[in-house]
Amino acid sequence: MPEESAELFDDIYVGLRAGAAGRKKRRGEPLSPEEHEALGRWERMSGFRKSVAVGGFAVGTFGLGFTVGGLVFRRWRKA
């Protein structure tokens, strides 16, 4: 199981790097070799792994925002 979670974080990281490289590519900026490699890895990745990576990122971001929001706004609500 630890091997699978490490792969998920790697997939999320590759997705973030590929997203940044894709934006640079659309703007016409030159890409570094690392950015070319990230785009290539993302394009070769299966659709299932892409969806798990994007979903994991979304759930993690929502969870973090929910937690921080609860810590910040809990003082206004008295039970």
PDB file of N, CA and C in Angstrom:
ATOM      1  N   MET A   1       0.815  -1.212   0.000  1.00  0.00           N
ATOM      2  CA  MET A   1       0.000   0.000   0.000  1.00  0.00           C
ATOM      3  C   MET A   1       0.854   1.270   0.000  1.00  0.00           C
ATOM      4  N   PRO A   2       1.941   1.372   0.742  1.00  0.00           N
ATOM      5  CA  PRO A   2       2.729   2.606   0.696  1.00  0.00           C
ATOM      6  C   PRO A   2       3.252   2.915  -0.703  1.00  0.00           C
ATOM      7  N   GLU A   3       3.520   1.889  -1.497  1.00  0.00           N
ATOM      8  CA  GLU A   3       4.005   2.119  -2.855  1.00  0.00           C
ATOM      9  C   GLU A   3       2.945   2.822  -3.704  1.00  0.00           C
ATOM     10  N   GLU A   4       1.674   2.453  -3.523  1.00  0.00           N
ATOM     11  CA  GLU A   4       0.594   3.064  -4.284  1.00  0.00           C
ATOM     12  C   GLU A   4       0.411   4.529  -3.911  1.00  0.00           C
ATOM     13  N   SER A   5       0.521   4.877  -2.640  1.00  0.00           N
ATOM     14  CA  SER A   5       0.347   6.263  -2.242  1.00  0.00           C
ATOM     15  C   SER A   5       1.491   7.123  -2.767  1.00  0.00           C
ATOM     16  N   ALA A   6       2.688   6.562  -2.804  1.00  0.00           N
ATOM     17  CA  ALA A   6       3.814   7.315  -3.359  1.00  0.00           C
ATOM     18  C   ALA A   6       3.594   7.573  -4.844  1.00  0.00           C
ATOM     19  N   GLU A   7       3.030   6.589  -5.547  1.00  0.00           N
ATOM     20  CA  GLU A   7       2.742   6.788  -6.960  1.00  0.00           C
ATOM     21  C   GLU A   7       1.677   7.864  -7.160  1.00  0.00           C
ATOM     22  N   LEU A   8       0.699   7.923  -6.282  1.00  0.00           N
ATOM     23  CA  LEU A   8      -0.340   8.940  -6.402  1.00  0.00           C
ATOM     24  C   LEU A   8       0.268  10.331  -6.277  1.00  0.00           C
ATOM     25  N   PHE A   9       1.147  10.529  -5.312  1.00  0.00           N
ATOM     26  CA  PHE A   9       1.788  11.830  -5.156  1.00  0.00           C
ATOM     27  C   PHE A   9       2.668  12.151  -6.356  1.00  0.00           C
ATOM     28  N   ASP A  10       3.340  11.145  -6.905  1.00  0.00           N
ATOM     29  CA  ASP A  10       4.137  11.359  -8.114  1.00  0.00           C
ATOM     30  C   ASP A  10       3.245  11.773  -9.278  1.00  0.00           C
ATOM     31  N   ASP A  11       2.097  11.114  -9.414  1.00  0.00           N
ATOM     32  CA  ASP A  11       1.166  11.451 -10.493  1.00  0.00           C
ATOM     33  C   ASP A  11       0.627  12.865 -10.335  1.00  0.00           C
ATOM     34  N   ILE A  12       0.313  13.255  -9.111  1.00  0.00           N
ATOM     35  CA  ILE A  12      -0.177  14.618  -8.861  1.00  0.00           C
ATOM     36  C   ILE A  12       0.900  15.629  -9.216  1.00  0.00           C
ATOM     37  N   TYR A  13       2.137  15.342  -8.825  1.00  0.00           N
ATOM     38  CA  TYR A  13       3.243  16.250  -9.111  1.00  0.00           C
ATOM     39  C   TYR A  13       3.473  16.374 -10.622  1.00  0.00           C
ATOM     40  N   VAL A  14       3.438  15.249 -11.326  1.00  0.00           N
ATOM     41  CA  VAL A  14       3.610  15.286 -12.780  1.00  0.00           C
ATOM     42  C   VAL A  14       2.482  16.094 -13.407  1.00  0.00           C
ATOM     43  N   GLY A  15       1.260  15.928 -12.914  1.00  0.00           N
ATOM     44  CA  GLY A  15       0.133  16.693 -13.434  1.00  0.00           C
ATOM     45  C   GLY A  15       0.294  18.186 -13.231  1.00  0.00           C
ATOM     46  N   LEU A  16       0.785  18.578 -12.071  1.00  0.00           N
ATOM     47  CA  LEU A  16       1.010  20.001 -11.818  1.00  0.00           C
ATOM     48  C   LEU A  16       2.089  20.560 -12.731  1.00  0.00           C
ATOM     49  N   ARG A  17       3.176  19.806 -12.883  1.00  0.00           N
ATOM     50  CA  ARG A  17       4.251  20.243 -13.773  1.00  0.00           C
ATOM     51  C   ARG A  17       3.787  20.301 -15.219  1.00  0.00           C
ATOM     52  N   ALA A  18       3.006  19.311 -15.638  1.00  0.00           N
ATOM     53  CA  ALA A  18       2.503  19.293 -17.014  1.00  0.00           C
ATOM     54  C   ALA A  18       1.525  20.445 -17.250  1.00  0.00           C
ATOM     55  N   GLY A  19       0.722  20.761 -16.255  1.00  0.00           N
ATOM     56  CA  GLY A  19      -0.198  21.889 -16.392  1.00  0.00           C
ATOM     57  C   GLY A  19       0.531  23.201 -16.573  1.00  0.00           C
ATOM     58  N   ALA A  20       1.578  23.408 -15.805  1.00  0.00           N
ATOM     59  CA  ALA A  20       2.375  24.626 -15.943  1.00  0.00           C
ATOM     60  C   ALA A  20       3.079  24.660 -17.295  1.00  0.00           C
ATOM     61  N   ALA A  21       3.601  23.508 -17.730  1.00  0.00           N
ATOM     62  CA  ALA A  21       4.266  23.452 -19.028  1.00  0.00           C
ATOM     63  C   ALA A  21       3.278  23.683 -20.162  1.00  0.00           C
ATOM     64  N   GLY A  22       2.064  23.170 -20.017  1.00  0.00           N
ATOM     65  CA  GLY A  22       1.040  23.389 -21.036  1.00  0.00           C
ATOM     66  C   GLY A  22       0.676  24.855 -21.179  1.00  0.00           C
ATOM     67  N   ARG A  23       0.609  25.563 -20.051  1.00  0.00           N
ATOM     68  CA  ARG A  23       0.331  27.006 -20.119  1.00  0.00           C
ATOM     69  C   ARG A  23       1.454  27.738 -20.831  1.00  0.00           C
ATOM     70  N   LYS A  24       2.700  27.373 -20.518  1.00  0.00           N
ATOM     71  CA  LYS A  24       3.828  28.010 -21.191  1.00  0.00           C
ATOM     72  C   LYS A  24       3.811  27.705 -22.680  1.00  0.00           C
ATOM     73  N   LYS A  25       3.457  26.483 -23.030  1.00  0.00           N
ATOM     74  CA  LYS A  25       3.411  26.077 -24.436  1.00  0.00           C
ATOM     75  C   LYS A  25       2.343  26.869 -25.189  1.00  0.00           C
ATOM     76  N   ARG A  26       1.166  27.065 -24.577  1.00  0.00           N
ATOM     77  CA  ARG A  26       0.095  27.838 -25.212  1.00  0.00           C
ATOM     78  C   ARG A  26       0.486  29.290 -25.416  1.00  0.00           C
ATOM     79  N   ARG A  27       1.295  29.836 -24.498  1.00  0.00           N
ATOM     80  CA  ARG A  27       1.744  31.225 -24.630  1.00  0.00           C
ATOM     81  C   ARG A  27       2.884  31.375 -25.624  1.00  0.00           C
ATOM     82  N   GLY A  28       3.440  30.252 -26.075  1.00  0.00           N
ATOM     83  CA  GLY A  28       4.541  30.304 -27.033  1.00  0.00           C
ATOM     84  C   GLY A  28       5.908  30.453 -26.400  1.00  0.00           C
ATOM     85  N   GLU A  29       5.990  30.245 -25.103  1.00  0.00           N
ATOM     86  CA  GLU A  29       7.279  30.344 -24.416  1.00  0.00           C
ATOM     87  C   GLU A  29       8.065  29.053 -24.616  1.00  0.00           C
ATOM     88  N   PRO A  30       9.385  29.143 -24.615  1.00  0.00           N
ATOM     89  CA  PRO A  30      10.190  27.919 -24.770  1.00  0.00           C
ATOM     90  C   PRO A  30      10.096  27.044 -23.516  1.00  0.00           C
ATOM     91  N   LEU A  31      10.096  25.727 -23.728  1.00  0.00           N
ATOM     92  CA  LEU A  31      10.000  24.770 -22.622  1.00  0.00           C
ATOM     93  C   LEU A  31      11.363  24.183 -22.321  1.00  0.00           C
ATOM     94  N   SER A  32      11.607  23.935 -21.050  1.00  0.00           N
ATOM     95  CA  SER A  32      12.843  23.278 -20.634  1.00  0.00           C
ATOM     96  C   SER A  32      12.719  21.777 -20.901  1.00  0.00           C
ATOM     97  N   PRO A  33      13.827  21.060 -20.884  1.00  0.00           N
ATOM     98  CA  PRO A  33      13.752  19.602 -21.067  1.00  0.00           C
ATOM     99  C   PRO A  33      12.894  18.915 -19.994  1.00  0.00           C
ATOM    100  N   GLU A  34      12.920  19.418 -18.766  1.00  0.00           N
ATOM    101  CA  GLU A  34      12.103  18.847 -17.702  1.00  0.00           C
ATOM    102  C   GLU A  34      10.614  19.038 -17.991  1.00  0.00           C
ATOM    103  N   GLU A  35      10.269  20.186 -18.556  1.00  0.00           N
ATOM    104  CA  GLU A  35       8.867  20.439 -18.877  1.00  0.00           C
ATOM    105  C   GLU A  35       8.403  19.564 -20.043  1.00  0.00           C
ATOM    106  N   HIS A  36       9.276  19.356 -21.035  1.00  0.00           N
ATOM    107  CA  HIS A  36       8.949  18.431 -22.123  1.00  0.00           C
ATOM    108  C   HIS A  36       8.720  17.024 -21.571  1.00  0.00           C
ATOM    109  N   GLU A  37       9.580  16.623 -20.639  1.00  0.00           N
ATOM    110  CA  GLU A  37       9.462  15.293 -20.045  1.00  0.00           C
ATOM    111  C   GLU A  37       8.165  15.159 -19.251  1.00  0.00           C
ATOM    112  N   ALA A  38       7.783  16.203 -18.507  1.00  0.00           N
ATOM    113  CA  ALA A  38       6.542  16.168 -17.733  1.00  0.00           C
ATOM    114  C   ALA A  38       5.324  16.072 -18.652  1.00  0.00           C
ATOM    115  N   LEU A  39       5.336  16.843 -19.747  1.00  0.00           N
ATOM    116  CA  LEU A  39       4.221  16.753 -20.699  1.00  0.00           C
ATOM    117  C   LEU A  39       4.136  15.367 -21.318  1.00  0.00           C
ATOM    118  N   GLY A  40       5.277  14.796 -21.660  1.00  0.00           N
ATOM    119  CA  GLY A  40       5.289  13.464 -22.243  1.00  0.00           C
ATOM    120  C   GLY A  40       4.779  12.405 -21.280  1.00  0.00           C
ATOM    121  N   ARG A  41       5.211  12.487 -20.016  1.00  0.00           N
ATOM    122  CA  ARG A  41       4.735  11.520 -19.016  1.00  0.00           C
ATOM    123  C   ARG A  41       3.238  11.657 -18.801  1.00  0.00           C
ATOM    124  N   TRP A  42       2.727  12.889 -18.757  1.00  0.00           N
ATOM    125  CA  TRP A  42       1.301  13.102 -18.538  1.00  0.00           C
ATOM    126  C   TRP A  42       0.490  12.564 -19.718  1.00  0.00           C
ATOM    127  N   GLU A  43       0.979  12.784 -20.938  1.00  0.00           N
ATOM    128  CA  GLU A  43       0.261  12.307 -22.118  1.00  0.00           C
ATOM    129  C   GLU A  43       0.266  10.785 -22.207  1.00  0.00           C
ATOM    130  N   ARG A  44       1.335  10.139 -21.742  1.00  0.00           N
ATOM    131  CA  ARG A  44       1.413   8.676 -21.781  1.00  0.00           C
ATOM    132  C   ARG A  44       0.639   8.017 -20.648  1.00  0.00           C
ATOM    133  N   MET A  45       0.297   8.777 -19.617  1.00  0.00           N
ATOM    134  CA  MET A  45      -0.394   8.222 -18.457  1.00  0.00           C
ATOM    135  C   MET A  45      -1.820   7.820 -18.847  1.00  0.00           C
ATOM    136  N   SER A  46      -2.297   6.732 -18.275  1.00  0.00           N
ATOM    137  CA  SER A  46      -3.645   6.257 -18.585  1.00  0.00           C
ATOM    138  C   SER A  46      -4.687   7.239 -18.056  1.00  0.00           C
ATOM    139  N   GLY A  47      -5.841   7.189 -18.657  1.00  0.00           N
ATOM    140  CA  GLY A  47      -6.937   8.061 -18.241  1.00  0.00           C
ATOM    141  C   GLY A  47      -7.362   7.827 -16.806  1.00  0.00           C
ATOM    142  N   PHE A  48      -7.324   6.565 -16.380  1.00  0.00           N
ATOM    143  CA  PHE A  48      -7.691   6.246 -15.003  1.00  0.00           C
ATOM    144  C   PHE A  48      -6.724   6.886 -14.016  1.00  0.00           C
ATOM    145  N   ARG A  49      -5.424   6.758 -14.290  1.00  0.00           N
ATOM    146  CA  ARG A  49      -4.434   7.357 -13.381  1.00  0.00           C
ATOM    147  C   ARG A  49      -4.538   8.872 -13.375  1.00  0.00           C
ATOM    148  N   LYS A  50      -4.829   9.470 -14.539  1.00  0.00           N
ATOM    149  CA  LYS A  50      -5.008  10.921 -14.586  1.00  0.00           C
ATOM    150  C   LYS A  50      -6.194  11.333 -13.725  1.00  0.00           C
ATOM    151  N   SER A  51      -7.293  10.602 -13.840  1.00  0.00           N
ATOM    152  CA  SER A  51      -8.487  10.962 -13.068  1.00  0.00           C
ATOM    153  C   SER A  51      -8.264  10.770 -11.575  1.00  0.00           C
ATOM    154  N   VAL A  52      -7.532   9.732 -11.193  1.00  0.00           N
ATOM    155  CA  VAL A  52      -7.225   9.535  -9.774  1.00  0.00           C
ATOM    156  C   VAL A  52      -6.333  10.661  -9.264  1.00  0.00           C
ATOM    157  N   ALA A  53      -5.352  11.074 -10.065  1.00  0.00           N
ATOM    158  CA  ALA A  53      -4.455  12.155  -9.651  1.00  0.00           C
ATOM    159  C   ALA A  53      -5.211  13.470  -9.508  1.00  0.00           C
ATOM    160  N   VAL A  54      -6.044  13.794 -10.491  1.00  0.00           N
ATOM    161  CA  VAL A  54      -6.808  15.043 -10.429  1.00  0.00           C
ATOM    162  C   VAL A  54      -7.810  14.986  -9.277  1.00  0.00           C
ATOM    163  N   GLY A  55      -8.472  13.845  -9.108  1.00  0.00           N
ATOM    164  CA  GLY A  55      -9.421  13.691  -8.001  1.00  0.00           C
ATOM    165  C   GLY A  55      -8.746  13.772  -6.650  1.00  0.00           C
ATOM    166  N   GLY A  56      -7.581  13.143  -6.523  1.00  0.00           N
ATOM    167  CA  GLY A  56      -6.833  13.215  -5.265  1.00  0.00           C
ATOM    168  C   GLY A  56      -6.422  14.633  -4.937  1.00  0.00           C
ATOM    169  N   PHE A  57      -5.981  15.369  -5.947  1.00  0.00           N
ATOM    170  CA  PHE A  57      -5.613  16.763  -5.740  1.00  0.00           C
ATOM    171  C   PHE A  57      -6.832  17.581  -5.312  1.00  0.00           C
ATOM    172  N   ALA A  58      -7.973  17.350  -5.977  1.00  0.00           N
ATOM    173  CA  ALA A  58      -9.187  18.101  -5.648  1.00  0.00           C
ATOM    174  C   ALA A  58      -9.662  17.799  -4.232  1.00  0.00           C
ATOM    175  N   VAL A  59      -9.671  16.522  -3.862  1.00  0.00           N
ATOM    176  CA  VAL A  59     -10.117  16.146  -2.516  1.00  0.00           C
ATOM    177  C   VAL A  59      -9.163  16.700  -1.462  1.00  0.00           C
ATOM    178  N   GLY A  60      -7.869  16.620  -1.729  1.00  0.00           N
ATOM    179  CA  GLY A  60      -6.893  17.157  -0.780  1.00  0.00           C
ATOM    180  C   GLY A  60      -7.020  18.655  -0.616  1.00  0.00           C
ATOM    181  N   THR A  61      -7.225  19.355  -1.726  1.00  0.00           N
ATOM    182  CA  THR A  61      -7.373  20.811  -1.670  1.00  0.00           C
ATOM    183  C   THR A  61      -8.653  21.193  -0.933  1.00  0.00           C
ATOM    184  N   PHE A  62      -9.738  20.477  -1.229  1.00  0.00           N
ATOM    185  CA  PHE A  62     -11.004  20.749  -0.542  1.00  0.00           C
ATOM    186  C   PHE A  62     -10.857  20.472   0.951  1.00  0.00           C
ATOM    187  N   GLY A  63     -10.228  19.353   1.295  1.00  0.00           N
ATOM    188  CA  GLY A  63     -10.052  19.008   2.703  1.00  0.00           C
ATOM    189  C   GLY A  63      -9.224  20.031   3.449  1.00  0.00           C
ATOM    190  N   LEU A  64      -8.170  20.505   2.817  1.00  0.00           N
ATOM    191  CA  LEU A  64      -7.321  21.519   3.440  1.00  0.00           C
ATOM    192  C   LEU A  64      -8.095  22.821   3.615  1.00  0.00           C
ATOM    193  N   GLY A  65      -8.825  23.221   2.582  1.00  0.00           N
ATOM    194  CA  GLY A  65      -9.620  24.445   2.677  1.00  0.00           C
ATOM    195  C   GLY A  65     -10.711  24.340   3.721  1.00  0.00           C
ATOM    196  N   PHE A  66     -11.343  23.170   3.795  1.00  0.00           N
ATOM    197  CA  PHE A  66     -12.390  22.943   4.781  1.00  0.00           C
ATOM    198  C   PHE A  66     -11.822  23.022   6.190  1.00  0.00           C
ATOM    199  N   THR A  67     -10.643  22.437   6.400  1.00  0.00           N
ATOM    200  CA  THR A  67     -10.007  22.446   7.713  1.00  0.00           C
ATOM    201  C   THR A  67      -9.598  23.851   8.121  1.00  0.00           C
ATOM    202  N   VAL A  68      -8.934  24.569   7.211  1.00  0.00           N
ATOM    203  CA  VAL A  68      -8.499  25.932   7.521  1.00  0.00           C
ATOM    204  C   VAL A  68      -9.714  26.826   7.739  1.00  0.00           C
ATOM    205  N   GLY A  69     -10.739  26.663   6.889  1.00  0.00           N
ATOM    206  CA  GLY A  69     -11.958  27.458   7.071  1.00  0.00           C
ATOM    207  C   GLY A  69     -12.616  27.196   8.411  1.00  0.00           C
ATOM    208  N   GLY A  70     -12.624  25.930   8.834  1.00  0.00           N
ATOM    209  CA  GLY A  70     -13.193  25.604  10.139  1.00  0.00           C
ATOM    210  C   GLY A  70     -12.410  26.219  11.277  1.00  0.00           C
ATOM    211  N   LEU A  71     -11.095  26.237  11.152  1.00  0.00           N
ATOM    212  CA  LEU A  71     -10.275  26.842  12.198  1.00  0.00           C
ATOM    213  C   LEU A  71     -10.450  28.353  12.249  1.00  0.00           C
ATOM    214  N   VAL A  72     -10.592  28.982  11.096  1.00  0.00           N
ATOM    215  CA  VAL A  72     -10.710  30.437  11.045  1.00  0.00           C
ATOM    216  C   VAL A  72     -12.099  30.902  11.470  1.00  0.00           C
ATOM    217  N   PHE A  73     -13.143  30.224  10.976  1.00  0.00           N
ATOM    218  CA  PHE A  73     -14.505  30.723  11.184  1.00  0.00           C
ATOM    219  C   PHE A  73     -15.238  30.092  12.366  1.00  0.00           C
ATOM    220  N   ARG A  74     -14.625  29.170  13.076  1.00  0.00           N
ATOM    221  CA  ARG A  74     -15.329  28.517  14.173  1.00  0.00           C
ATOM    222  C   ARG A  74     -15.611  29.460  15.334  1.00  0.00           C
ATOM    223  N   ARG A  75     -14.832  30.497  15.482  1.00  0.00           N
ATOM    224  CA  ARG A  75     -15.029  31.405  16.616  1.00  0.00           C
ATOM    225  C   ARG A  75     -16.316  32.204  16.500  1.00  0.00           C
ATOM    226  N   TRP A  76     -16.880  32.341  15.300  1.00  0.00           N
ATOM    227  CA  TRP A  76     -18.100  33.108  15.118  1.00  0.00           C
ATOM    228  C   TRP A  76     -19.345  32.297  15.433  1.00  0.00           C
ATOM    229  N   ARG A  77     -19.185  31.005  15.565  1.00  0.00           N
ATOM    230  CA  ARG A  77     -20.358  30.168  15.809  1.00  0.00           C
ATOM    231  C   ARG A  77     -20.268  29.589  17.206  1.00  0.00           C
ATOM    232  N   LYS A  78     -21.196  29.930  18.022  1.00  0.00           N
ATOM    233  CA  LYS A  78     -21.245  29.390  19.381  1.00  0.00           C
ATOM    234  C   LYS A  78     -22.302  28.295  19.424  1.00  0.00           C
ATOM    235  N   ALA A  79     -21.930  27.121  19.914  1.00  0.00           N
ATOM    236  CA  ALA A  79     -22.856  25.980  19.933  1.00  0.00           C
ATOM    237  C   ALA A  79     -23.818  26.077  21.093  1.00  0.00           C
TER     238      ALA A  79
END
